[in-house]
Protein backbone atom coordinates (compact mmCIF):
# COMPACT_ATOMS: atom_id res chain seq x y z
CA MET A 1 -11.50 17.65 1.82
CA THR A 2 -9.81 17.45 5.17
CA GLN A 3 -11.90 18.52 8.26
CA ILE A 4 -9.84 20.78 10.51
CA ASN A 5 -10.89 20.17 14.05
CA ASN A 6 -7.58 21.54 15.76
CA PRO A 7 -6.84 25.14 14.80
CA PHE A 8 -3.41 26.34 13.86
CA ASP A 9 -1.82 28.87 15.99
CA GLU A 10 1.41 31.12 16.06
CA LEU A 11 3.64 28.12 17.11
CA ASP A 12 2.55 26.20 14.18
CA TYR A 13 3.17 29.18 12.04
CA ARG A 14 6.81 29.45 13.42
CA ILE A 15 7.42 25.79 13.07
CA ILE A 16 6.33 25.94 9.43
CA GLN A 17 8.57 29.04 8.80
CA GLU A 18 11.59 27.02 10.19
CA LEU A 19 10.80 24.07 8.01
CA ARG A 20 10.60 26.32 5.05
CA ARG A 21 13.98 27.81 5.97
CA ASP A 22 15.46 24.35 6.37
CA ALA A 23 13.46 21.28 5.79
CA ARG A 24 16.08 19.12 7.07
CA ALA A 25 16.31 20.93 10.56
CA SER A 26 15.95 18.55 13.45
CA ALA A 27 13.10 18.90 15.90
CA SER A 28 15.53 20.12 18.51
CA GLU A 29 16.89 22.84 16.25
CA ILE A 30 13.39 24.09 15.43
CA ALA A 31 12.44 23.86 19.13
CA ARG A 32 15.35 26.25 19.97
CA ALA A 33 14.45 28.63 17.21
CA VAL A 34 10.79 28.84 18.19
CA GLY A 35 11.26 28.69 21.98
CA ALA A 36 9.34 25.40 22.52
CA HIS A 37 10.19 21.94 23.86
CA GLU A 38 11.51 19.46 21.26
CA ARG A 39 8.70 16.97 22.05
CA THR A 40 6.10 19.65 21.40
CA VAL A 41 7.66 20.44 18.11
CA ARG A 42 7.66 16.89 16.94
CA LYS A 43 4.03 16.48 17.94
CA ARG A 44 3.05 19.72 16.15
CA ILE A 45 4.97 18.58 12.98
CA ASP A 46 3.23 15.12 13.08
CA ARG A 47 -0.21 16.91 13.56
CA LEU A 48 0.36 19.23 10.67
CA VAL A 49 1.36 16.28 8.42
CA ALA A 50 -1.76 14.36 9.64
CA LEU A 51 -4.10 17.30 8.90
CA GLU A 52 -2.50 17.68 5.44
CA ALA A 53 -1.41 21.28 6.30
CA ILE A 54 2.00 20.49 5.25
CA ARG A 55 3.91 17.71 3.37
CA LEU A 56 7.59 16.94 3.93
CA THR A 57 9.01 16.10 0.59
CA ALA A 58 11.96 16.96 -1.62
CA VAL A 59 11.19 19.63 -4.31
CA VAL A 60 13.04 18.97 -7.47
CA ASN A 61 14.43 22.03 -9.30
CA PRO A 62 13.92 21.36 -13.17
CA ARG A 63 16.76 23.46 -14.34
CA PRO A 64 19.77 21.26 -13.28
CA PHE A 65 17.96 18.39 -15.15
CA GLY A 66 17.81 20.47 -18.27
CA TYR A 67 14.13 21.52 -18.17
CA THR A 68 14.60 25.18 -19.00
CA THR A 69 11.37 25.70 -21.04
CA ALA A 70 8.00 25.96 -19.12
CA ALA A 71 4.53 26.59 -20.53
CA ASP A 72 1.18 26.95 -19.33
CA ILE A 73 -1.10 24.81 -21.69
CA PHE A 74 -4.88 25.16 -21.98
CA LEU A 75 -7.09 22.22 -23.18
CA ASP A 76 -10.63 21.72 -24.33
CA VAL A 77 -11.38 18.06 -23.42
CA ASP A 78 -14.41 16.08 -24.78
CA PRO A 79 -16.23 14.94 -21.63
CA ALA A 80 -16.67 11.34 -23.07
CA HIS A 81 -12.73 11.08 -23.02
CA GLU A 82 -12.14 13.10 -19.97
CA GLU A 83 -11.10 10.42 -17.50
CA GLU A 84 -8.87 8.60 -20.11
CA VAL A 85 -7.16 11.88 -20.96
CA ILE A 86 -6.51 12.83 -17.29
CA GLN A 87 -4.92 9.48 -16.66
CA ALA A 88 -2.80 9.80 -19.72
CA LEU A 89 -1.65 13.27 -18.63
CA LEU A 90 -1.00 12.27 -15.14
CA GLN A 91 1.49 9.71 -16.58
CA ARG A 92 3.40 12.33 -18.54
CA PRO A 93 6.67 13.35 -16.78
CA GLU A 94 6.66 16.84 -18.47
CA ILE A 95 3.53 17.84 -16.59
CA SER A 96 4.17 19.56 -13.24
CA TYR A 97 0.59 20.83 -12.71
CA LEU A 98 -2.73 19.53 -13.87
CA ALA A 99 -6.23 21.06 -12.95
CA TYR A 100 -9.69 21.52 -14.07
CA GLY A 101 -10.36 24.90 -15.59
CA GLN A 102 -13.37 27.35 -15.38
CA GLY A 103 -15.36 25.61 -18.03
CA ASN A 104 -16.79 22.07 -17.91
CA ARG A 105 -14.44 20.97 -20.72
CA ASP A 106 -11.32 22.91 -19.72
CA ILE A 107 -8.12 21.49 -18.32
CA SER A 108 -5.08 23.51 -17.45
CA ILE A 109 -1.53 22.10 -17.32
CA GLU A 110 1.88 23.47 -16.62
CA ALA A 111 4.67 21.48 -18.26
CA ARG A 112 8.31 21.55 -18.35
CA PHE A 113 10.62 20.86 -21.40
CA GLN A 114 14.27 20.44 -22.39
CA GLY A 115 13.88 23.20 -25.06
CA SER A 116 11.39 24.63 -27.63
CA ASP A 117 11.54 21.49 -29.88
CA ALA A 118 10.33 19.38 -27.08
CA LEU A 119 7.57 21.84 -26.33
CA HIS A 120 6.56 21.93 -29.94
CA ASP A 121 6.48 18.20 -30.23
CA PHE A 122 4.24 18.10 -27.11
CA LEU A 123 1.78 20.60 -28.39
CA ARG A 124 1.53 19.30 -31.88
CA HIS A 125 1.92 15.47 -31.45
CA THR A 126 1.59 14.33 -27.83
CA LEU A 127 -1.46 16.20 -26.87
CA LEU A 128 -3.36 15.97 -30.16
CA ALA A 129 -2.85 12.22 -30.14
CA LEU A 130 -5.08 12.02 -27.12
CA PRO A 131 -8.70 11.48 -28.00
CA GLY A 132 -11.06 14.48 -27.68
CA VAL A 133 -8.28 16.90 -26.98
CA LYS A 134 -7.99 20.43 -28.49
CA VAL A 135 -5.20 22.77 -27.49
CA THR A 136 -6.91 26.12 -26.97
CA GLY A 137 -4.01 28.19 -26.02
CA TYR A 138 -0.51 28.20 -24.31
CA ALA A 139 1.76 30.68 -22.84
CA LEU A 140 5.61 30.33 -22.46
CA VAL A 141 6.67 30.89 -18.89
CA PRO A 142 10.17 32.63 -19.09
CA ARG A 143 10.65 32.60 -15.46
CA VAL A 144 8.67 31.41 -12.48
CA LEU A 145 8.69 33.94 -9.76
CA ARG A 146 6.98 32.08 -7.02
CA ASN A 147 6.23 28.33 -7.02
CA ILE A 148 3.73 26.44 -4.96
CA ASP A 149 6.50 25.14 -2.74
CA GLU A 150 7.09 28.78 -1.75
CA TRP A 151 3.56 29.75 -0.94
CA MET A 152 2.68 30.28 2.80
CA PRO A 153 -0.62 31.68 4.28
CA ALA A 154 -0.23 34.98 5.99
CA ALA A 155 0.54 35.13 9.74
CA GLU A 156 -2.85 36.50 10.26
CA ASP A 157 -4.62 33.45 8.90
CA PHE A 158 -3.20 31.45 11.81
CA GLN A 159 -4.56 33.91 14.32
CA ARG A 160 -7.90 34.11 12.46
CA VAL A 161 -8.19 30.27 12.58
CA ASN A 162 -7.75 30.50 16.39
CA GLU A 163 -10.25 33.19 16.83
CA GLU A 164 -12.86 31.36 14.67
CA ALA A 165 -12.31 28.21 16.52
CA SER A 166 -12.72 30.03 19.73
CA GLN A 167 -15.92 31.68 18.69
CA ARG A 168 -17.43 28.34 17.61
CA GLY A 169 -16.41 26.84 20.93
CA ASN A 170 -18.13 29.79 22.84
CA GLU A 171 -21.12 29.49 20.57
CA SER A 172 -21.39 25.92 21.37
CA VAL A 173 -21.06 26.45 25.17
CA ASN A 174 -23.67 29.20 25.03
CA GLN A 175 -26.09 26.97 23.05
CA GLN A 176 -25.65 24.13 25.55
CA GLY A 177 -26.18 26.45 28.49
CA SER A 178 -29.18 28.35 27.20
CA GLY A 179 -31.34 25.28 26.47
CA SER A 180 -30.94 23.46 29.82
CA GLY A 181 -32.38 25.64 32.40
CA ASP A 182 -35.49 27.18 30.55
CA GLN A 183 -38.23 24.48 31.04
C-alpha cells in the first residue's frame, strides 16, 4: 500500500478534474484553467503519478471492438489451485476486472464478450477447464453506468486529507514541545 506523506489539496483536485476532462491537455492548458504556473502543474502531475493517486493511460472502449456483452461472474476456487487459477485468469483478454470476494474461496471477475455465444463458451468450457473452479453465479450487465475510469473522490476528500495532515503536524509539534521543558 502506498504511504501518503504529502496530502492532496484543492489544486490537486482541480488538476485531476482537468485531466479527466481532457487527458491530452498540456500542462500549460491545465495551468491556465486552474490558475497556477505551468511548472507547478507539471510537478503536481508528476507527484500525483508517483504517489499512485492517478495513472495516465488510455482507456479502451470495448464496444467499437465488438465486445457488447458484459458479465459479472462469481467463482469458488479451491485454495490448492488459487494461484494457478489467478494466473490463468490474468492472461484472459476477456477479463476486465479480477478480485477476491468476501469468502476465502471467492473470486469475482468482470468480463467482456463479443456476444452471448462467447459468454456461454467462457462459462461452460473455459472456466470449468481450470482446476478447482466452480461458477457460483453470474449476472449479465446490460449497460455500465459508471466505470472505474470515471470514478473520482469527492472534493471534500481533498480538504479532509489536508485537515488530517495539519492535525497530525500540530500533534507532532505539540508532542515535541511538551516533553522538552518538563524535567
